[in-house]
C-alpha atoms as a PDB file:
ATOM      1  CA  MET A   1     -11.684   0.523 -28.928  1.00  0.00           C
ATOM      2  CA  GLU A   2      -8.338  -0.927 -29.464  1.00  0.00           C
ATOM      3  CA  PRO A   3      -7.607  -4.437 -28.546  1.00  0.00           C
ATOM      4  CA  VAL A   4      -5.573  -4.732 -25.454  1.00  0.00           C
ATOM      5  CA  ARG A   5      -3.736  -7.643 -23.746  1.00  0.00           C
ATOM      6  CA  LEU A   6      -6.101  -9.822 -21.690  1.00  0.00           C
ATOM      7  CA  SER A   7      -3.606  -9.558 -18.493  1.00  0.00           C
ATOM      8  CA  LYS A   8      -4.000  -5.541 -18.823  1.00  0.00           C
ATOM      9  CA  ARG A   9      -7.805  -5.821 -19.319  1.00  0.00           C
ATOM     10  CA  MET A  10      -7.952  -8.034 -16.056  1.00  0.00           C
ATOM     11  CA  ALA A  11      -5.865  -5.676 -14.040  1.00  0.00           C
ATOM     12  CA  GLU A  12      -7.982  -2.772 -15.260  1.00  0.00           C
ATOM     13  CA  MET A  13     -11.115  -4.746 -14.023  1.00  0.00           C
ATOM     14  CA  GLY A  14      -9.495  -5.018 -10.509  1.00  0.00           C
ATOM     15  CA  LEU A  15      -9.433  -8.921 -10.868  1.00  0.00           C
ATOM     16  CA  CYS A  16      -5.753  -9.123 -10.258  1.00  0.00           C
ATOM     17  CA  SER A  17      -2.494  -7.674 -11.232  1.00  0.00           C
ATOM     18  CA  ARG A  18      -1.134  -8.144 -14.634  1.00  0.00           C
ATOM     19  CA  ARG A  19       1.598 -10.539 -13.274  1.00  0.00           C
ATOM     20  CA  GLU A  20      -1.020 -12.656 -11.691  1.00  0.00           C
ATOM     21  CA  ALA A  21      -3.148 -12.480 -14.735  1.00  0.00           C
ATOM     22  CA  ASP A  22      -0.240 -14.105 -16.940  1.00  0.00           C
ATOM     23  CA  SER A  23       0.127 -16.770 -14.215  1.00  0.00           C
ATOM     24  CA  TYR A  24      -3.532 -17.593 -14.167  1.00  0.00           C
ATOM     25  CA  ILE A  25      -3.866 -17.510 -18.126  1.00  0.00           C
ATOM     26  CA  GLU A  26      -0.667 -19.954 -18.302  1.00  0.00           C
ATOM     27  CA  GLN A  27      -2.371 -22.368 -15.893  1.00  0.00           C
ATOM     28  CA  GLY A  28      -5.632 -22.345 -17.923  1.00  0.00           C
ATOM     29  CA  TRP A  29      -7.816 -20.857 -15.353  1.00  0.00           C
ATOM     30  CA  VAL A  30      -9.143 -18.013 -17.812  1.00  0.00           C
ATOM     31  CA  LYS A  31     -11.485 -18.114 -20.759  1.00  0.00           C
ATOM     32  CA  VAL A  32     -12.471 -15.599 -23.420  1.00  0.00           C
ATOM     33  CA  ASN A  33     -15.975 -16.160 -24.882  1.00  0.00           C
ATOM     34  CA  GLY A  34     -15.908 -19.598 -23.763  1.00  0.00           C
ATOM     35  CA  SER A  35     -12.383 -20.763 -25.121  1.00  0.00           C
ATOM     36  CA  VAL A  36      -9.166 -21.313 -22.902  1.00  0.00           C
ATOM     37  CA  ALA A  37      -7.176 -18.055 -23.030  1.00  0.00           C
ATOM     38  CA  VAL A  38      -3.476 -17.949 -24.187  1.00  0.00           C
ATOM     39  CA  LEU A  39      -0.709 -15.770 -22.945  1.00  0.00           C
ATOM     40  CA  GLY A  40      -0.487 -12.586 -24.983  1.00  0.00           C
ATOM     41  CA  GLN A  41      -4.029 -12.662 -26.243  1.00  0.00           C
ATOM     42  CA  LYS A  42      -5.793  -9.592 -26.702  1.00  0.00           C
ATOM     43  CA  VAL A  43      -9.362  -8.853 -26.074  1.00  0.00           C
ATOM     44  CA  VAL A  44     -11.923  -6.042 -26.936  1.00  0.00           C
ATOM     45  CA  THR A  45     -14.741  -4.393 -25.496  1.00  0.00           C
ATOM     46  CA  GLY A  46     -17.607  -6.967 -25.246  1.00  0.00           C
ATOM     47  CA  ASP A  47     -15.600 -10.076 -25.070  1.00  0.00           C
ATOM     48  CA  ASP A  48     -16.726 -12.283 -22.129  1.00  0.00           C
ATOM     49  CA  ILE A  49     -13.919 -13.042 -19.757  1.00  0.00           C
ATOM     50  CA  GLN A  50     -14.685 -16.135 -17.488  1.00  0.00           C
ATOM     51  CA  LEU A  51     -12.478 -17.199 -14.404  1.00  0.00           C
ATOM     52  CA  ASP A  52     -12.094 -20.635 -13.236  1.00  0.00           C
ATOM     53  CA  LYS A  53     -12.934 -21.301  -9.327  1.00  0.00           C
ATOM     54  CA  LYS A  54      -9.332 -22.464  -8.983  1.00  0.00           C
ATOM     55  CA  MET A  55      -8.344 -18.748  -9.665  1.00  0.00           C
ATOM     56  CA  THR A  56     -10.649 -17.670  -6.958  1.00  0.00           C
ATOM     57  CA  GLN A  57      -9.483 -20.176  -4.593  1.00  0.00           C
ATOM     58  CA  ALA A  58      -5.888 -19.028  -5.329  1.00  0.00           C
ATOM     59  CA  GLN A  59      -6.806 -15.537  -4.529  1.00  0.00           C
ATOM     60  CA  GLU A  60      -8.510 -16.338  -1.324  1.00  0.00           C
ATOM     61  CA  ARG A  61      -5.289 -18.018  -0.025  1.00  0.00           C
ATOM     62  CA  ARG A  62      -3.234 -14.767  -0.660  1.00  0.00           C
ATOM     63  CA  VAL A  63      -2.740 -12.862   2.652  1.00  0.00           C
ATOM     64  CA  THR A  64      -1.956  -9.143   3.535  1.00  0.00           C
ATOM     65  CA  ILE A  65       0.042  -8.378   6.570  1.00  0.00           C
ATOM     66  CA  LEU A  66       0.048  -5.149   8.541  1.00  0.00           C
ATOM     67  CA  ILE A  67       3.630  -4.335  10.341  1.00  0.00           C
ATOM     68  CA  ASN A  68       4.159  -1.576  12.747  1.00  0.00           C
ATOM     69  CA  LYS A  69       7.514  -0.573  11.428  1.00  0.00           C
ATOM     70  CA  PRO A  70      10.243   0.583  13.692  1.00  0.00           C
ATOM     71  CA  MET A  71      12.999   2.943  12.514  1.00  0.00           C
ATOM     72  CA  GLY A  72      15.981   1.428  10.819  1.00  0.00           C
ATOM     73  CA  TYR A  73      14.001  -0.831   8.501  1.00  0.00           C
ATOM     74  CA  VAL A  74      13.446  -0.326   4.859  1.00  0.00           C
ATOM     75  CA  SER A  75      10.255  -1.051   3.323  1.00  0.00           C
ATOM     76  CA  GLY A  76      11.416  -3.198   0.363  1.00  0.00           C
ATOM     77  CA  GLN A  77      14.591  -4.970  -0.605  1.00  0.00           C
ATOM     78  CA  ALA A  78      17.583  -4.738   1.810  1.00  0.00           C
ATOM     79  CA  GLU A  79      19.811  -1.913   1.068  1.00  0.00           C
ATOM     80  CA  MET A  80      22.808  -0.077   2.467  1.00  0.00           C
ATOM     81  CA  GLY A  81      23.160  -2.829   5.238  1.00  0.00           C
ATOM     82  CA  TYR A  82      19.498  -2.268   6.334  1.00  0.00           C
ATOM     83  CA  LEU A  83      17.415  -5.167   6.967  1.00  0.00           C
ATOM     84  CA  PRO A  84      13.842  -5.122   5.026  1.00  0.00           C
ATOM     85  CA  ALA A  85      10.579  -4.896   7.053  1.00  0.00           C
ATOM     86  CA  ALA A  86       9.567  -8.245   6.021  1.00  0.00           C
ATOM     87  CA  ALA A  87      12.457  -9.782   8.342  1.00  0.00           C
ATOM     88  CA  LEU A  88      10.091  -8.763  11.041  1.00  0.00           C
ATOM     89  CA  ILE A  89       7.529 -11.377   9.966  1.00  0.00           C
ATOM     90  CA  THR A  90       8.494 -14.272  12.131  1.00  0.00           C
ATOM     91  CA  PRO A  91       6.114 -16.615  14.276  1.00  0.00           C
ATOM     92  CA  ASP A  92       7.714 -14.886  17.430  1.00  0.00           C
ATOM     93  CA  ASN A  93       6.926 -11.371  16.172  1.00  0.00           C
ATOM     94  CA  HIS A  94       3.246 -12.310  15.528  1.00  0.00           C
ATOM     95  CA  TRP A  95       0.940 -10.125  17.539  1.00  0.00           C
ATOM     96  CA  GLU A  96      -0.874 -12.374  20.092  1.00  0.00           C
ATOM     97  CA  GLU A  97      -4.093 -10.473  19.716  1.00  0.00           C
ATOM     98  CA  ASP A  98      -4.630 -10.874  16.021  1.00  0.00           C
ATOM     99  CA  LYS A  99      -8.056 -11.494  15.402  1.00  0.00           C
ATOM    100  CA  SER A 100      -7.780 -12.730  11.755  1.00  0.00           C
ATOM    101  CA  GLY A 101      -7.805 -16.474  12.800  1.00  0.00           C
ATOM    102  CA  LEU A 102      -4.924 -17.062  10.215  1.00  0.00           C
ATOM    103  CA  ARG A 103      -1.763 -19.158  11.590  1.00  0.00           C
ATOM    104  CA  PHE A 104       1.598 -18.307  10.210  1.00  0.00           C
ATOM    105  CA  SER A 105       2.766 -20.262   7.213  1.00  0.00           C
ATOM    106  CA  ARG A 106       6.163 -19.990   5.271  1.00  0.00           C
ATOM    107  CA  ASP A 107       3.965 -19.903   2.098  1.00  0.00           C
ATOM    108  CA  HIS A 108       2.718 -16.421   3.161  1.00  0.00           C
ATOM    109  CA  MET A 109       6.162 -15.143   2.665  1.00  0.00           C
ATOM    110  CA  LYS A 110       6.142 -16.071  -1.133  1.00  0.00           C
ATOM    111  CA  GLY A 111       5.675 -13.053  -3.389  1.00  0.00           C
ATOM    112  CA  LEU A 112       5.004 -10.816  -0.507  1.00  0.00           C
ATOM    113  CA  ALA A 113       5.556  -7.210  -1.351  1.00  0.00           C
ATOM    114  CA  PRO A 114       5.205  -3.626   0.208  1.00  0.00           C
ATOM    115  CA  ALA A 115       2.017  -1.875  -1.231  1.00  0.00           C
ATOM    116  CA  GLY A 116       3.535   1.680  -0.431  1.00  0.00           C
ATOM    117  CA  ARG A 117       6.509   2.778   1.464  1.00  0.00           C
ATOM    118  CA  LEU A 118       7.750   4.136   4.603  1.00  0.00           C
ATOM    119  CA  ASP A 119      11.145   5.823   4.938  1.00  0.00           C
ATOM    120  CA  ILE A 120      13.960   4.236   6.757  1.00  0.00           C
ATOM    121  CA  ASP A 121      13.477   6.864   9.599  1.00  0.00           C
ATOM    122  CA  SER A 122       9.692   6.888   9.671  1.00  0.00           C
ATOM    123  CA  VAL A 123       7.644   4.424  11.678  1.00  0.00           C
ATOM    124  CA  GLY A 124       3.960   3.078  11.724  1.00  0.00           C
ATOM    125  CA  LEU A 125       1.644   1.042   9.612  1.00  0.00           C
ATOM    126  CA  LEU A 126       3.306  -0.776   6.536  1.00  0.00           C
ATOM    127  CA  VAL A 127       1.138  -3.193   4.348  1.00  0.00           C
ATOM    128  CA  LEU A 128       2.751  -6.052   2.744  1.00  0.00           C
ATOM    129  CA  THR A 129       0.734  -8.216   0.356  1.00  0.00           C
ATOM    130  CA  GLN A 130       0.604 -11.149  -1.897  1.00  0.00           C
ATOM    131  CA  ASP A 131      -2.513  -9.987  -3.809  1.00  0.00           C
ATOM    132  CA  GLY A 132      -2.132  -7.839  -6.651  1.00  0.00           C
ATOM    133  CA  ARG A 133      -5.711  -6.334  -5.881  1.00  0.00           C
ATOM    134  CA  VAL A 134      -4.917  -5.135  -2.702  1.00  0.00           C
ATOM    135  CA  ALA A 135      -1.612  -3.436  -4.088  1.00  0.00           C
ATOM    136  CA  LYS A 136      -3.466  -1.821  -6.887  1.00  0.00           C
ATOM    137  CA  GLU A 137      -6.038  -0.561  -4.609  1.00  0.00           C
ATOM    138  CA  LEU A 138      -3.318   1.116  -2.310  1.00  0.00           C
ATOM    139  CA  ILE A 139      -0.614   2.146  -4.904  1.00  0.00           C
ATOM    140  CA  GLY A 140      -2.335   1.957  -8.311  1.00  0.00           C
ATOM    141  CA  GLU A 141      -2.297   5.032 -10.719  1.00  0.00           C
ATOM    142  CA  THR A 142      -5.985   5.561  -9.686  1.00  0.00           C
ATOM    143  CA  SER A 143      -5.700   4.972  -6.029  1.00  0.00           C
ATOM    144  CA  ASP A 144      -7.228   7.717  -3.877  1.00  0.00           C
ATOM    145  CA  VAL A 145      -7.094   5.773  -0.534  1.00  0.00           C
ATOM    146  CA  GLU A 146      -6.200   8.216   2.160  1.00  0.00           C
ATOM    147  CA  LYS A 147      -2.897   7.699   4.455  1.00  0.00           C
ATOM    148  CA  GLU A 148      -2.911   9.604   7.750  1.00  0.00           C
ATOM    149  CA  TYR A 149       0.206  10.591   9.638  1.00  0.00           C
ATOM    150  CA  LEU A 150       1.306  12.188  12.754  1.00  0.00           C
ATOM    151  CA  VAL A 151       4.350  14.570  12.189  1.00  0.00           C
ATOM    152  CA  ARG A 152       6.421  15.903  14.970  1.00  0.00           C
ATOM    153  CA  VAL A 153       8.275  19.160  13.536  1.00  0.00           C
ATOM    154  CA  GLU A 154      10.582  22.006  14.688  1.00  0.00           C
ATOM    155  CA  GLY A 155      10.330  25.474  13.416  1.00  0.00           C
ATOM    156  CA  GLU A 156       7.774  28.309  12.934  1.00  0.00           C
ATOM    157  CA  LEU A 157       4.703  27.633  10.705  1.00  0.00           C
ATOM    158  CA  SER A 158       2.728  30.682   9.428  1.00  0.00           C
ATOM    159  CA  ASP A 159      -0.900  30.918   8.785  1.00  0.00           C
ATOM    160  CA  GLU A 160       0.139  30.971   5.062  1.00  0.00           C
ATOM    161  CA  GLY A 161       2.460  28.000   5.526  1.00  0.00           C
ATOM    162  CA  LEU A 162      -0.291  26.003   6.877  1.00  0.00           C
ATOM    163  CA  ARG A 163      -2.713  26.935   3.933  1.00  0.00           C
ATOM    164  CA  LEU A 164       0.124  25.790   1.546  1.00  0.00           C
ATOM    165  CA  LEU A 165       0.425  22.484   3.256  1.00  0.00           C
ATOM    166  CA  ASN A 166      -3.176  21.895   2.714  1.00  0.00           C
ATOM    167  CA  HIS A 167      -3.021  23.097  -1.043  1.00  0.00           C
ATOM    168  CA  GLY A 168      -0.541  24.944  -3.003  1.00  0.00           C
ATOM    169  CA  LEU A 169       2.740  23.209  -2.979  1.00  0.00           C
ATOM    170  CA  SER A 170       4.505  21.624  -5.826  1.00  0.00           C
ATOM    171  CA  LEU A 171       7.068  18.777  -5.883  1.00  0.00           C
ATOM    172  CA  ASP A 172       9.384  17.946  -8.903  1.00  0.00           C
ATOM    173  CA  GLY A 173       7.478  20.332 -10.896  1.00  0.00           C
ATOM    174  CA  LYS A 174       3.901  18.806 -10.471  1.00  0.00           C
ATOM    175  CA  ALA A 175       1.152  20.394  -8.184  1.00  0.00           C
ATOM    176  CA  LEU A 176       0.411  18.394  -5.254  1.00  0.00           C
ATOM    177  CA  ILE A 177      -3.157  16.907  -4.691  1.00  0.00           C
ATOM    178  CA  PRO A 178      -4.948  18.897  -2.000  1.00  0.00           C
ATOM    179  CA  ALA A 179      -4.131  17.587   1.597  1.00  0.00           C
ATOM    180  CA  LYS A 180      -5.684  17.837   4.954  1.00  0.00           C
ATOM    181  CA  VAL A 181      -3.134  19.190   7.374  1.00  0.00           C
ATOM    182  CA  TRP A 182      -3.756  20.784  10.877  1.00  0.00           C
ATOM    183  CA  TRP A 183      -1.985  21.092  14.342  1.00  0.00           C
ATOM    184  CA  GLN A 184      -2.613  17.987  16.573  1.00  0.00           C
ATOM    185  CA  ASN A 185      -0.683  19.805  19.434  1.00  0.00           C
ATOM    186  CA  ASP A 186       2.066  22.405  20.021  1.00  0.00           C
ATOM    187  CA  ASP A 187       4.724  20.472  18.016  1.00  0.00           C
ATOM    188  CA  GLN A 188       2.922  17.807  15.999  1.00  0.00           C
ATOM    189  CA  LEU A 189       0.764  18.100  12.652  1.00  0.00           C
ATOM    190  CA  ARG A 190      -1.710  15.660  11.388  1.00  0.00           C
ATOM    191  CA  PHE A 191      -1.452  15.031   7.735  1.00  0.00           C
ATOM    192  CA  ILE A 192      -3.953  13.014   5.525  1.00  0.00           C
ATOM    193  CA  LEU A 193      -2.878  12.435   1.957  1.00  0.00           C
ATOM    194  CA  LYS A 194      -4.121  10.627  -1.165  1.00  0.00           C
ATOM    195  CA  GLU A 195      -0.729  10.442  -2.851  1.00  0.00           C
ATOM    196  CA  GLY A 196       2.770   9.162  -1.714  1.00  0.00           C
ATOM    197  CA  LYS A 197       5.696  10.748  -3.645  1.00  0.00           C
ATOM    198  CA  LYS A 198       9.118  10.089  -2.319  1.00  0.00           C
ATOM    199  CA  ARG A 199       9.517  11.739   1.081  1.00  0.00           C
ATOM    200  CA  GLN A 200       6.692  13.843   0.338  1.00  0.00           C
ATOM    201  CA  ILE A 201       5.652  15.015   4.007  1.00  0.00           C
ATOM    202  CA  ARG A 202       9.331  15.812   4.753  1.00  0.00           C
ATOM    203  CA  ARG A 203       9.694  17.652   1.687  1.00  0.00           C
ATOM    204  CA  MET A 204       6.528  19.640   2.139  1.00  0.00           C
ATOM    205  CA  CYS A 205       7.645  20.664   5.537  1.00  0.00           C
ATOM    206  CA  GLU A 206      10.930  21.817   4.203  1.00  0.00           C
ATOM    207  CA  ALA A 207       9.001  24.094   1.694  1.00  0.00           C
ATOM    208  CA  VAL A 208       7.295  25.875   4.407  1.00  0.00           C
ATOM    209  CA  GLY A 209      10.274  26.078   6.949  1.00  0.00           C
ATOM    210  CA  LEU A 210       9.625  23.159   9.224  1.00  0.00           C
ATOM    211  CA  HIS A 211      12.109  20.521   9.923  1.00  0.00           C
ATOM    212  CA  VAL A 212      10.375  16.845  10.656  1.00  0.00           C
ATOM    213  CA  VAL A 213      11.721  15.208  13.517  1.00  0.00           C
ATOM    214  CA  GLY A 214       9.208  12.245  13.940  1.00  0.00           C
ATOM    215  CA  LEU A 215       6.900  10.708  11.326  1.00  0.00           C
ATOM    216  CA  LYS A 216       4.274   7.921  12.054  1.00  0.00           C
ATOM    217  CA  ARG A 217       1.640   6.553   9.740  1.00  0.00           C
ATOM    218  CA  ILE A 218      -1.448   5.608  11.799  1.00  0.00           C
ATOM    219  CA  ARG A 219      -4.149   5.096   9.071  1.00  0.00           C
ATOM    220  CA  ILE A 220      -4.317   3.574   5.549  1.00  0.00           C
ATOM    221  CA  GLY A 221      -8.065   4.102   4.250  1.00  0.00           C
ATOM    222  CA  LYS A 222     -10.092   2.233   6.782  1.00  0.00           C
ATOM    223  CA  VAL A 223      -7.539   0.342   8.373  1.00  0.00           C
ATOM    224  CA  MET A 224      -5.811   1.782  11.542  1.00  0.00           C
ATOM    225  CA  LEU A 225      -2.604   1.035  13.170  1.00  0.00           C
ATOM    226  CA  GLY A 226      -4.407   0.742  16.408  1.00  0.00           C
ATOM    227  CA  ASP A 227      -2.711  -0.952  19.226  1.00  0.00           C
ATOM    228  CA  LEU A 228      -0.300  -3.015  17.119  1.00  0.00           C
ATOM    229  CA  PRO A 229       3.005  -2.845  19.139  1.00  0.00           C
ATOM    230  CA  THR A 230       6.068  -1.551  17.305  1.00  0.00           C
ATOM    231  CA  GLY A 231       7.877  -4.214  15.456  1.00  0.00           C
ATOM    232  CA  LYS A 232       4.955  -6.727  15.672  1.00  0.00           C
ATOM    233  CA  TRP A 233       2.821  -7.774  12.812  1.00  0.00           C
ATOM    234  CA  ARG A 234      -0.713  -9.166  12.145  1.00  0.00           C
ATOM    235  CA  TYR A 235      -2.865 -10.342   9.153  1.00  0.00           C
ATOM    236  CA  LEU A 236      -5.330  -8.316   7.457  1.00  0.00           C
ATOM    237  CA  ALA A 237      -8.585 -10.024   8.578  1.00  0.00           C
ATOM    238  CA  ALA A 238     -11.361 -11.157   6.161  1.00  0.00           C
ATOM    239  CA  ASP A 239     -13.821  -8.504   7.333  1.00  0.00           C
ATOM    240  CA  GLU A 240     -11.336  -5.622   6.971  1.00  0.00           C
ATOM    241  CA  GLN A 241     -10.997  -3.298   3.835  1.00  0.00           C
ATOM    242  CA  PHE A 242      -9.096  -0.481   3.103  1.00  0.00           C
ATOM    243  CA  SER A 243     -11.822   1.327   1.225  1.00  0.00           C
END
């Protein structure tokens, strides 16, 4: 196997993100075959990668935050005059029923980034994290974590259209991964996806003659939106996992 950058190998091993790996290497917290690693170092299969306990402690301090995003907020950076969902993360908006035991700290805002997106006109569960391992799990190239949505629609859907929503549609010239789609009630569909192309559900519905009038994400992996009120946020607890 060809040598690869140590930071890439650490990310492939699920230890952290590449950016985090470079930071840990710079701080002298990573050894390869017993020697302190240097930035840009390459490794091969069989090399022994050892991590200083300071790296583990630093990772344990990283937080993941769950928001019930309202309409009118963007997932990432502010754009077109709209506020980012991270603006909702204030002490006043912290859900009083948060069971994590964590207390809000301004340090929890440093390096916080969305692990997945919700359109400005979509609502529900949005994850922001400081932890590259969580981001890789949810939005990495090999991620197969399910995302579940309630989708209110207008229009007529044939049996064939429903079959295509489950499997058979393509977007941007590429076949979609099979989904699970069924009627929740007279005007609402339930979608379970393992991918997240831009505005995917809205575009899928358009392809079968439906117009989406409301979209809410209610689950990511094993983590449910639950009773988290609109506009409120909470920490991911130590005993919660997405997969």
